[in-house]
C-alpha atoms as a PDB file:
ATOM      1  CA  MET A   1       5.062  23.500   3.594  1.00  0.00           C
ATOM      2  CA  ALA A   2       3.095  21.439   1.041  1.00  0.00           C
ATOM      3  CA  LEU A   3       4.951  18.726  -0.847  1.00  0.00           C
ATOM      4  CA  ASN A   4       4.069  18.202  -4.492  1.00  0.00           C
ATOM      5  CA  ASP A   5       5.756  14.836  -5.067  1.00  0.00           C
ATOM      6  CA  THR A   6       5.405  11.227  -4.000  1.00  0.00           C
ATOM      7  CA  PHE A   7       7.998   8.505  -4.490  1.00  0.00           C
ATOM      8  CA  TYR A   8       8.481   4.830  -5.192  1.00  0.00           C
ATOM      9  CA  LEU A   9      11.850   3.625  -3.960  1.00  0.00           C
ATOM     10  CA  SER A  10      13.387   0.246  -4.732  1.00  0.00           C
ATOM     11  CA  HIS A  11      15.078  -0.733  -1.476  1.00  0.00           C
ATOM     12  CA  GLY A  12      16.576  -3.957  -2.824  1.00  0.00           C
ATOM     13  CA  SER A  13      18.571  -6.047  -0.386  1.00  0.00           C
ATOM     14  CA  PRO A  14      18.979  -5.317   3.347  1.00  0.00           C
ATOM     15  CA  MET A  15      22.743  -5.498   2.567  1.00  0.00           C
ATOM     16  CA  LEU A  16      22.270  -1.918   1.387  1.00  0.00           C
ATOM     17  CA  SER A  17      22.613  -0.990   5.068  1.00  0.00           C
ATOM     18  CA  ILE A  18      26.281  -2.049   5.224  1.00  0.00           C
ATOM     19  CA  ASP A  19      27.522  -2.613   1.650  1.00  0.00           C
ATOM     20  CA  ASP A  20      28.941   0.559   0.157  1.00  0.00           C
ATOM     21  CA  SER A  21      29.356  -1.054  -3.273  1.00  0.00           C
ATOM     22  CA  ILE A  22      25.580  -1.080  -3.885  1.00  0.00           C
ATOM     23  CA  LYS A  23      25.005   1.871  -6.228  1.00  0.00           C
ATOM     24  CA  ALA A  24      21.573   2.744  -4.854  1.00  0.00           C
ATOM     25  CA  ARG A  25      23.184   3.608  -1.538  1.00  0.00           C
ATOM     26  CA  GLN A  26      24.748   6.745  -3.033  1.00  0.00           C
ATOM     27  CA  PHE A  27      21.356   7.708  -4.453  1.00  0.00           C
ATOM     28  CA  PHE A  28      19.717   7.475  -1.015  1.00  0.00           C
ATOM     29  CA  LYS A  29      22.599   9.427   0.525  1.00  0.00           C
ATOM     30  CA  SER A  30      22.124  12.229  -2.027  1.00  0.00           C
ATOM     31  CA  TRP A  31      18.399  12.514  -1.217  1.00  0.00           C
ATOM     32  CA  LYS A  32      18.368  15.846   0.643  1.00  0.00           C
ATOM     33  CA  ASN A  33      20.698  17.527  -1.844  1.00  0.00           C
ATOM     34  CA  GLU A  34      19.376  16.079  -5.083  1.00  0.00           C
ATOM     35  CA  VAL A  35      15.742  15.037  -4.606  1.00  0.00           C
ATOM     36  CA  VAL A  36      13.789  16.677  -1.761  1.00  0.00           C
ATOM     37  CA  ALA A  37      15.374  19.825  -0.364  1.00  0.00           C
ATOM     38  CA  VAL A  38      12.583  20.715   2.074  1.00  0.00           C
ATOM     39  CA  LYS A  39      12.411  18.834   5.335  1.00  0.00           C
ATOM     40  CA  PRO A  40       9.093  16.972   5.554  1.00  0.00           C
ATOM     41  CA  LYS A  41       6.925  17.357   8.623  1.00  0.00           C
ATOM     42  CA  ALA A  42       6.422  13.599   8.780  1.00  0.00           C
ATOM     43  CA  ILE A  43       7.002  10.542   6.575  1.00  0.00           C
ATOM     44  CA  LEU A  44       4.410   7.966   5.557  1.00  0.00           C
ATOM     45  CA  CYS A  45       6.091   4.803   4.309  1.00  0.00           C
ATOM     46  CA  ILE A  46       4.146   2.082   2.502  1.00  0.00           C
ATOM     47  CA  SER A  47       6.499  -0.884   2.740  1.00  0.00           C
ATOM     48  CA  ALA A  48       6.450  -4.245   0.996  1.00  0.00           C
ATOM     49  CA  HIS A  49       7.360  -5.817   4.343  1.00  0.00           C
ATOM     50  CA  TYR A  50       4.161  -4.758   6.076  1.00  0.00           C
ATOM     51  CA  ASP A  51       1.493  -7.001   4.555  1.00  0.00           C
ATOM     52  CA  THR A  52      -1.881  -7.399   6.265  1.00  0.00           C
ATOM     53  CA  THR A  53      -5.443  -8.483   5.480  1.00  0.00           C
ATOM     54  CA  PHE A  54      -6.826  -4.960   5.968  1.00  0.00           C
ATOM     55  CA  PRO A  55      -5.046  -1.609   5.569  1.00  0.00           C
ATOM     56  CA  THR A  56      -3.175  -1.076   8.847  1.00  0.00           C
ATOM     57  CA  VAL A  57      -1.202   1.842  10.300  1.00  0.00           C
ATOM     58  CA  ASN A  58       1.450   1.491  12.972  1.00  0.00           C
ATOM     59  CA  VAL A  59       0.735   3.696  15.973  1.00  0.00           C
ATOM     60  CA  VAL A  60       3.880   4.417  17.949  1.00  0.00           C
ATOM     61  CA  SER A  61       4.424   7.025  20.648  1.00  0.00           C
ATOM     62  CA  GLY A  62       8.090   7.687  21.314  1.00  0.00           C
ATOM     63  CA  PRO A  63      10.851   6.249  19.116  1.00  0.00           C
ATOM     64  CA  ASN A  64      10.116   3.491  16.583  1.00  0.00           C
ATOM     65  CA  ASP A  65      11.772   0.143  17.207  1.00  0.00           C
ATOM     66  CA  THR A  66      14.040  -1.157  14.432  1.00  0.00           C
ATOM     67  CA  ILE A  67      12.669  -4.462  13.082  1.00  0.00           C
ATOM     68  CA  TYR A  68      15.204  -6.965  11.711  1.00  0.00           C
ATOM     69  CA  ASP A  69      12.897  -8.856   9.380  1.00  0.00           C
ATOM     70  CA  PHE A  70      15.652 -10.759   7.553  1.00  0.00           C
ATOM     71  CA  TYR A  71      17.733 -13.840   8.292  1.00  0.00           C
ATOM     72  CA  GLY A  72      21.297 -15.023   7.844  1.00  0.00           C
ATOM     73  CA  PHE A  73      22.925 -11.647   7.237  1.00  0.00           C
ATOM     74  CA  PRO A  74      26.134 -10.299   8.853  1.00  0.00           C
ATOM     75  CA  SER A  75      25.721  -9.683  12.586  1.00  0.00           C
ATOM     76  CA  SER A  76      26.566  -5.971  12.282  1.00  0.00           C
ATOM     77  CA  MET A  77      23.239  -5.429  10.515  1.00  0.00           C
ATOM     78  CA  TYR A  78      21.308  -6.532  13.598  1.00  0.00           C
ATOM     79  CA  LYS A  79      22.953  -3.794  15.646  1.00  0.00           C
ATOM     80  CA  ILE A  80      21.822  -0.888  13.451  1.00  0.00           C
ATOM     81  CA  LYS A  81      19.194   1.327  15.056  1.00  0.00           C
ATOM     82  CA  TYR A  82      16.977   3.887  13.369  1.00  0.00           C
ATOM     83  CA  PRO A  83      15.002   5.382  16.276  1.00  0.00           C
ATOM     84  CA  ALA A  84      12.892   7.889  14.317  1.00  0.00           C
ATOM     85  CA  PRO A  85       9.933   9.130  16.350  1.00  0.00           C
ATOM     86  CA  GLY A  86       6.581   7.475  15.788  1.00  0.00           C
ATOM     87  CA  ALA A  87       3.840   9.549  14.163  1.00  0.00           C
ATOM     88  CA  PRO A  88       0.613   8.698  16.017  1.00  0.00           C
ATOM     89  CA  GLU A  89      -1.079  11.881  14.810  1.00  0.00           C
ATOM     90  CA  LEU A  90      -0.279  11.018  11.186  1.00  0.00           C
ATOM     91  CA  ALA A  91      -1.499   7.441  11.740  1.00  0.00           C
ATOM     92  CA  LYS A  92      -4.814   8.886  12.864  1.00  0.00           C
ATOM     93  CA  ARG A  93      -5.000  11.192   9.808  1.00  0.00           C
ATOM     94  CA  VAL A  94      -4.221   8.277   7.473  1.00  0.00           C
ATOM     95  CA  LYS A  95      -6.936   6.145   9.028  1.00  0.00           C
ATOM     96  CA  GLU A  96      -9.468   9.001   8.801  1.00  0.00           C
ATOM     97  CA  ALA A  97      -8.579   9.696   5.150  1.00  0.00           C
ATOM     98  CA  LEU A  98      -8.993   6.041   4.162  1.00  0.00           C
ATOM     99  CA  ILE A  99     -12.305   5.647   5.969  1.00  0.00           C
ATOM    100  CA  ARG A 100     -13.576   8.861   4.414  1.00  0.00           C
ATOM    101  CA  ALA A 101     -12.634   7.455   0.987  1.00  0.00           C
ATOM    102  CA  GLY A 102     -14.753   4.351   1.555  1.00  0.00           C
ATOM    103  CA  PHE A 103     -12.284   1.829   3.003  1.00  0.00           C
ATOM    104  CA  GLU A 104     -14.559   0.325   5.609  1.00  0.00           C
ATOM    105  CA  ARG A 105     -11.964  -1.234   7.852  1.00  0.00           C
ATOM    106  CA  VAL A 106      -8.588   0.268   8.718  1.00  0.00           C
ATOM    107  CA  ASP A 107      -6.701  -1.335  11.588  1.00  0.00           C
ATOM    108  CA  GLU A 108      -4.169   0.110  14.025  1.00  0.00           C
ATOM    109  CA  GLU A 109      -1.145  -1.823  15.191  1.00  0.00           C
ATOM    110  CA  ARG A 110       0.232  -0.326  18.348  1.00  0.00           C
ATOM    111  CA  GLY A 111       3.930  -0.486  19.022  1.00  0.00           C
ATOM    112  CA  ARG A 112       5.068  -2.013  15.718  1.00  0.00           C
ATOM    113  CA  GLY A 113       8.296  -0.275  14.719  1.00  0.00           C
ATOM    114  CA  LEU A 114       9.921   0.158  11.299  1.00  0.00           C
ATOM    115  CA  ASP A 115      10.693  -2.808   9.047  1.00  0.00           C
ATOM    116  CA  HIS A 116      13.744  -2.798   6.779  1.00  0.00           C
ATOM    117  CA  GLY A 117      11.704  -1.512   3.820  1.00  0.00           C
ATOM    118  CA  ALA A 118      11.437   1.706   5.830  1.00  0.00           C
ATOM    119  CA  TRP A 119      14.548   2.031   7.958  1.00  0.00           C
ATOM    120  CA  VAL A 120      17.190   0.889   5.463  1.00  0.00           C
ATOM    121  CA  PRO A 121      16.541   3.654   2.897  1.00  0.00           C
ATOM    122  CA  LEU A 122      15.608   6.214   5.564  1.00  0.00           C
ATOM    123  CA  MET A 123      18.883   5.757   7.482  1.00  0.00           C
ATOM    124  CA  PHE A 124      20.678   7.213   4.426  1.00  0.00           C
ATOM    125  CA  MET A 125      17.993   9.715   3.399  1.00  0.00           C
ATOM    126  CA  TYR A 126      17.465  11.190   6.877  1.00  0.00           C
ATOM    127  CA  PRO A 127      20.354   9.901   9.019  1.00  0.00           C
ATOM    128  CA  GLU A 128      19.437  12.184  11.933  1.00  0.00           C
ATOM    129  CA  ALA A 129      16.300  10.023  12.479  1.00  0.00           C
ATOM    130  CA  ASP A 130      14.490  13.153  13.664  1.00  0.00           C
ATOM    131  CA  ILE A 131      11.420  13.070  11.379  1.00  0.00           C
ATOM    132  CA  PRO A 132       8.316  11.213  12.653  1.00  0.00           C
ATOM    133  CA  VAL A 133       7.578   8.076  10.604  1.00  0.00           C
ATOM    134  CA  CYS A 134       4.346   6.126  10.212  1.00  0.00           C
ATOM    135  CA  GLN A 135       3.891   2.957   8.155  1.00  0.00           C
ATOM    136  CA  LEU A 136       0.859   1.807   6.168  1.00  0.00           C
ATOM    137  CA  SER A 137       0.547  -1.824   5.097  1.00  0.00           C
ATOM    138  CA  VAL A 138      -0.069  -3.397   1.692  1.00  0.00           C
ATOM    139  CA  GLN A 139      -2.676  -6.098   1.024  1.00  0.00           C
ATOM    140  CA  SER A 140      -0.891  -8.547  -1.274  1.00  0.00           C
ATOM    141  CA  HIS A 141      -4.061 -10.614  -1.794  1.00  0.00           C
ATOM    142  CA  LEU A 142      -5.753  -7.616  -3.477  1.00  0.00           C
ATOM    143  CA  ASN A 143      -4.902  -5.866  -6.772  1.00  0.00           C
ATOM    144  CA  GLY A 144      -3.065  -2.843  -8.117  1.00  0.00           C
ATOM    145  CA  THR A 145      -6.224  -0.747  -8.397  1.00  0.00           C
ATOM    146  CA  HIS A 146      -6.990  -1.250  -4.686  1.00  0.00           C
ATOM    147  CA  HIS A 147      -3.552   0.163  -3.855  1.00  0.00           C
ATOM    148  CA  TYR A 148      -3.893   3.006  -6.353  1.00  0.00           C
ATOM    149  CA  ASN A 149      -7.161   3.958  -4.623  1.00  0.00           C
ATOM    150  CA  LEU A 150      -5.477   3.783  -1.202  1.00  0.00           C
ATOM    151  CA  GLY A 151      -2.977   6.289  -2.553  1.00  0.00           C
ATOM    152  CA  LYS A 152      -5.670   8.588  -3.966  1.00  0.00           C
ATOM    153  CA  ALA A 153      -7.228   8.825  -0.500  1.00  0.00           C
ATOM    154  CA  LEU A 154      -3.867   9.876   0.960  1.00  0.00           C
ATOM    155  CA  ALA A 155      -3.093  12.640  -1.562  1.00  0.00           C
ATOM    156  CA  PRO A 156      -4.320  15.530   0.674  1.00  0.00           C
ATOM    157  CA  LEU A 157      -1.679  14.629   3.288  1.00  0.00           C
ATOM    158  CA  LYS A 158       0.984  16.084   0.985  1.00  0.00           C
ATOM    159  CA  ASP A 159      -0.566  19.511   1.585  1.00  0.00           C
ATOM    160  CA  GLU A 160       0.301  19.061   5.264  1.00  0.00           C
ATOM    161  CA  GLY A 161       3.985  18.486   4.512  1.00  0.00           C
ATOM    162  CA  VAL A 162       3.858  14.681   4.685  1.00  0.00           C
ATOM    163  CA  LEU A 163       6.379  12.849   2.500  1.00  0.00           C
ATOM    164  CA  ILE A 164       4.679   9.760   1.020  1.00  0.00           C
ATOM    165  CA  ILE A 165       7.042   6.963   0.018  1.00  0.00           C
ATOM    166  CA  GLY A 166       6.255   3.541  -1.394  1.00  0.00           C
ATOM    167  CA  SER A 167       9.164   1.205  -0.671  1.00  0.00           C
ATOM    168  CA  GLY A 168       9.502  -2.014  -2.635  1.00  0.00           C
ATOM    169  CA  SER A 169      11.504  -3.271  -5.605  1.00  0.00           C
ATOM    170  CA  ALA A 170      10.806  -2.735  -9.302  1.00  0.00           C
ATOM    171  CA  THR A 171      11.605  -6.415  -9.873  1.00  0.00           C
ATOM    172  CA  HIS A 172      11.604  -8.897  -6.997  1.00  0.00           C
ATOM    173  CA  ASN A 173      12.190 -12.590  -7.578  1.00  0.00           C
ATOM    174  CA  LEU A 174      14.643 -13.804  -4.946  1.00  0.00           C
ATOM    175  CA  ARG A 175      14.849 -17.278  -6.493  1.00  0.00           C
ATOM    176  CA  THR A 176      16.513 -15.870  -9.603  1.00  0.00           C
ATOM    177  CA  LEU A 177      19.279 -13.787  -7.992  1.00  0.00           C
ATOM    178  CA  ASN A 178      22.850 -14.496  -9.024  1.00  0.00           C
ATOM    179  CA  ARG A 179      24.571 -14.921  -5.661  1.00  0.00           C
ATOM    180  CA  SER A 180      27.877 -16.158  -7.074  1.00  0.00           C
ATOM    181  CA  GLY A 181      29.581 -12.856  -6.327  1.00  0.00           C
ATOM    182  CA  LYS A 182      30.684 -12.608  -9.954  1.00  0.00           C
ATOM    183  CA  PRO A 183      29.226  -9.790 -12.066  1.00  0.00           C
ATOM    184  CA  SER A 184      26.409 -10.997 -14.280  1.00  0.00           C
ATOM    185  CA  ALA A 185      24.489  -9.610 -17.202  1.00  0.00           C
ATOM    186  CA  THR A 186      20.930  -8.549 -16.461  1.00  0.00           C
ATOM    187  CA  ALA A 187      18.477 -11.365 -17.224  1.00  0.00           C
ATOM    188  CA  PRO A 188      16.457 -10.597 -20.388  1.00  0.00           C
ATOM    189  CA  TRP A 189      13.069 -11.129 -18.678  1.00  0.00           C
ATOM    190  CA  ALA A 190      13.995  -8.687 -15.883  1.00  0.00           C
ATOM    191  CA  LEU A 191      15.175  -6.101 -18.396  1.00  0.00           C
ATOM    192  CA  GLU A 192      11.973  -6.468 -20.441  1.00  0.00           C
ATOM    193  CA  PHE A 193       9.699  -6.047 -17.440  1.00  0.00           C
ATOM    194  CA  ASP A 194      11.723  -3.136 -16.045  1.00  0.00           C
ATOM    195  CA  THR A 195      11.754  -1.373 -19.434  1.00  0.00           C
ATOM    196  CA  TRP A 196       8.009  -1.912 -19.885  1.00  0.00           C
ATOM    197  CA  LEU A 197       7.426  -0.403 -16.445  1.00  0.00           C
ATOM    198  CA  LYS A 198       9.616   2.614 -17.157  1.00  0.00           C
ATOM    199  CA  ASP A 199       7.899   3.282 -20.497  1.00  0.00           C
ATOM    200  CA  ALA A 200       4.402   2.848 -19.032  1.00  0.00           C
ATOM    201  CA  LEU A 201       5.159   5.243 -16.171  1.00  0.00           C
ATOM    202  CA  LEU A 202       6.910   7.889 -18.263  1.00  0.00           C
ATOM    203  CA  GLN A 203       4.050   7.781 -20.780  1.00  0.00           C
ATOM    204  CA  GLY A 204       1.447   8.110 -18.017  1.00  0.00           C
ATOM    205  CA  ARG A 205      -0.149   4.709 -18.750  1.00  0.00           C
ATOM    206  CA  TYR A 206      -1.150   4.232 -15.128  1.00  0.00           C
ATOM    207  CA  ASP A 207      -4.150   2.037 -15.978  1.00  0.00           C
ATOM    208  CA  ASP A 208      -1.735  -0.417 -17.590  1.00  0.00           C
ATOM    209  CA  VAL A 209       0.440  -0.344 -14.470  1.00  0.00           C
ATOM    210  CA  ASN A 210      -2.618  -1.030 -12.302  1.00  0.00           C
ATOM    211  CA  ASP A 211      -3.392  -3.988 -14.581  1.00  0.00           C
ATOM    212  CA  TYR A 212       0.269  -5.016 -14.922  1.00  0.00           C
ATOM    213  CA  GLU A 213      -0.417  -8.738 -14.433  1.00  0.00           C
ATOM    214  CA  LYS A 214      -2.203  -8.754 -17.805  1.00  0.00           C
ATOM    215  CA  LYS A 215      -0.248  -5.987 -19.562  1.00  0.00           C
ATOM    216  CA  ALA A 216       3.407  -6.402 -18.564  1.00  0.00           C
ATOM    217  CA  PRO A 217       5.794  -8.980 -20.032  1.00  0.00           C
ATOM    218  CA  HIS A 218       7.017 -11.567 -17.484  1.00  0.00           C
ATOM    219  CA  ALA A 219       4.831 -10.069 -14.732  1.00  0.00           C
ATOM    220  CA  LYS A 220       4.754 -13.277 -12.672  1.00  0.00           C
ATOM    221  CA  MET A 221       8.489 -13.787 -13.080  1.00  0.00           C
ATOM    222  CA  ALA A 222       9.275 -10.210 -12.031  1.00  0.00           C
ATOM    223  CA  HIS A 223       6.893 -10.391  -9.061  1.00  0.00           C
ATOM    224  CA  PRO A 224       5.976 -13.943  -7.956  1.00  0.00           C
ATOM    225  CA  SER A 225       4.228 -12.119  -5.098  1.00  0.00           C
ATOM    226  CA  PRO A 226       3.090  -8.513  -5.641  1.00  0.00           C
ATOM    227  CA  ASP A 227       4.062  -7.205  -2.186  1.00  0.00           C
ATOM    228  CA  HIS A 228       7.136  -5.323  -3.505  1.00  0.00           C
ATOM    229  CA  PHE A 229       5.168  -3.825  -6.394  1.00  0.00           C
ATOM    230  CA  TYR A 230       2.017  -2.503  -4.711  1.00  0.00           C
ATOM    231  CA  PRO A 231       3.812   0.338  -2.872  1.00  0.00           C
ATOM    232  CA  LEU A 232       4.299   1.774  -6.388  1.00  0.00           C
ATOM    233  CA  HIS A 233       0.543   1.876  -6.984  1.00  0.00           C
ATOM    234  CA  VAL A 234       0.010   3.707  -3.679  1.00  0.00           C
ATOM    235  CA  ALA A 235       2.667   6.292  -4.597  1.00  0.00           C
ATOM    236  CA  ILE A 236       1.090   6.938  -8.023  1.00  0.00           C
ATOM    237  CA  GLY A 237      -2.385   7.359  -6.512  1.00  0.00           C
ATOM    238  CA  ALA A 238      -1.090   9.633  -3.757  1.00  0.00           C
ATOM    239  CA  ALA A 239       0.465  12.012  -6.307  1.00  0.00           C
ATOM    240  CA  GLY A 240      -3.096  12.982  -7.261  1.00  0.00           C
ATOM    241  CA  GLY A 241      -4.574  13.833 -10.645  1.00  0.00           C
ATOM    242  CA  ASP A 242      -2.607  12.723 -13.674  1.00  0.00           C
ATOM    243  CA  PRO A 243       0.956  12.868 -12.380  1.00  0.00           C
ATOM    244  CA  LYS A 244       4.161  13.232 -14.310  1.00  0.00           C
ATOM    245  CA  THR A 245       6.732  10.510 -13.660  1.00  0.00           C
ATOM    246  CA  LYS A 246      10.486  10.943 -13.456  1.00  0.00           C
ATOM    247  CA  LEU A 247      13.002   8.086 -13.143  1.00  0.00           C
ATOM    248  CA  ILE A 248      15.306   9.310 -10.358  1.00  0.00           C
ATOM    249  CA  HIS A 249      17.599   6.311  -9.947  1.00  0.00           C
ATOM    250  CA  HIS A 250      18.370   3.131 -11.823  1.00  0.00           C
ATOM    251  CA  SER A 251      20.807   0.321 -11.139  1.00  0.00           C
ATOM    252  CA  TRP A 252      20.856  -3.487 -11.084  1.00  0.00           C
ATOM    253  CA  ASP A 253      22.066  -6.007  -8.541  1.00  0.00           C
ATOM    254  CA  HIS A 254      22.548  -9.795  -8.744  1.00  0.00           C
ATOM    255  CA  GLY A 255      21.387  -9.885 -12.374  1.00  0.00           C
ATOM    256  CA  THR A 256      17.644  -9.603 -11.736  1.00  0.00           C
ATOM    257  CA  MET A 257      17.019  -7.027  -9.005  1.00  0.00           C
ATOM    258  CA  SER A 258      16.128  -3.572 -10.300  1.00  0.00           C
ATOM    259  CA  TYR A 259      16.674  -0.556  -8.060  1.00  0.00           C
ATOM    260  CA  ALA A 260      14.560   1.676 -10.322  1.00  0.00           C
ATOM    261  CA  SER A 261      13.098   4.531  -8.258  1.00  0.00           C
ATOM    262  CA  TYR A 262      10.492   7.044  -9.393  1.00  0.00           C
ATOM    263  CA  GLN A 263       9.148  10.476  -8.525  1.00  0.00           C
ATOM    264  CA  PHE A 264       5.513  11.383  -9.213  1.00  0.00           C
ATOM    265  CA  THR A 265       4.548  15.038  -9.483  1.00  0.00           C
ATOM    266  CA  ALA A 266       0.947  16.227  -9.513  1.00  0.00           C
ATOM    267  CA  SER A 267       0.220  17.958 -12.817  1.00  0.00           C
ATOM    268  CA  SER A 268      -1.813  20.583 -11.004  1.00  0.00           C
ATOM    269  CA  PRO A 269      -1.326  21.283  -7.290  1.00  0.00           C
ATOM    270  CA  SER A 270      -4.127  19.708  -5.293  1.00  0.00           C
ATOM    271  CA  HIS A 271      -6.411  22.304  -3.745  1.00  0.00           C
ATOM    272  CA  GLN A 272      -8.293  19.927  -1.512  1.00  0.00           C
ATOM    273  CA  SER A 273      -9.079  21.212   1.921  1.00  0.00           C
ATOM    274  CA  HIS A 274     -10.931  19.562   4.730  1.00  0.00           C
END
């Protein structure tokens, strides 16, 4: 069953895993009913928390380990397991697709499980943990166009029933979060960047999004490091062609963290065969 859509999901804080008051949690829980009704054959997750010098896939046979790549959170969070099967076959296909597209070096990391950019949203989207999952890394020292091109190389995988998800955060500046516990208005700079992004995506201005550091207001403030943004570029590229964008969830947390999540639909179904 071919899938026609790719996604960029803002996974926000790892607290999502235990805090029912975070609005995005209900969005992730509604995934199978509201967003993707067909069950994917496998999931490829490009996570902000997997950042390497060269594009790298995790190659896992058997269940994925659950990686707790966060500190100082409630102890119950370190007991959560999401033992989705690894997807070594998909890892191989991803590597082949990237090399065929001209990426000269693609590494394999054997045995690395799922970081919280993958397992936190997936535990609500697919709680049965029965769909094989593979991760592909970002290269935060490179640019948006590099990641868009990574995505373009991966587009044919959708025809094989692979769900391609970029997992990051539409705005991500941890130093600016309001942690007082009191509700706070959204910071103007965060709102401006988030609105610019939404308009650019809905209008199909993907070149501007690739060049966001020059084009977007408050780009450095919204993303002091681009690791949480580049999964978006991969998802856009992987949609193929000139995709249509749909905003599928939006909420704010701590005054500056946007949970904006997007769906990209190929304007014409890809008829690539290999």
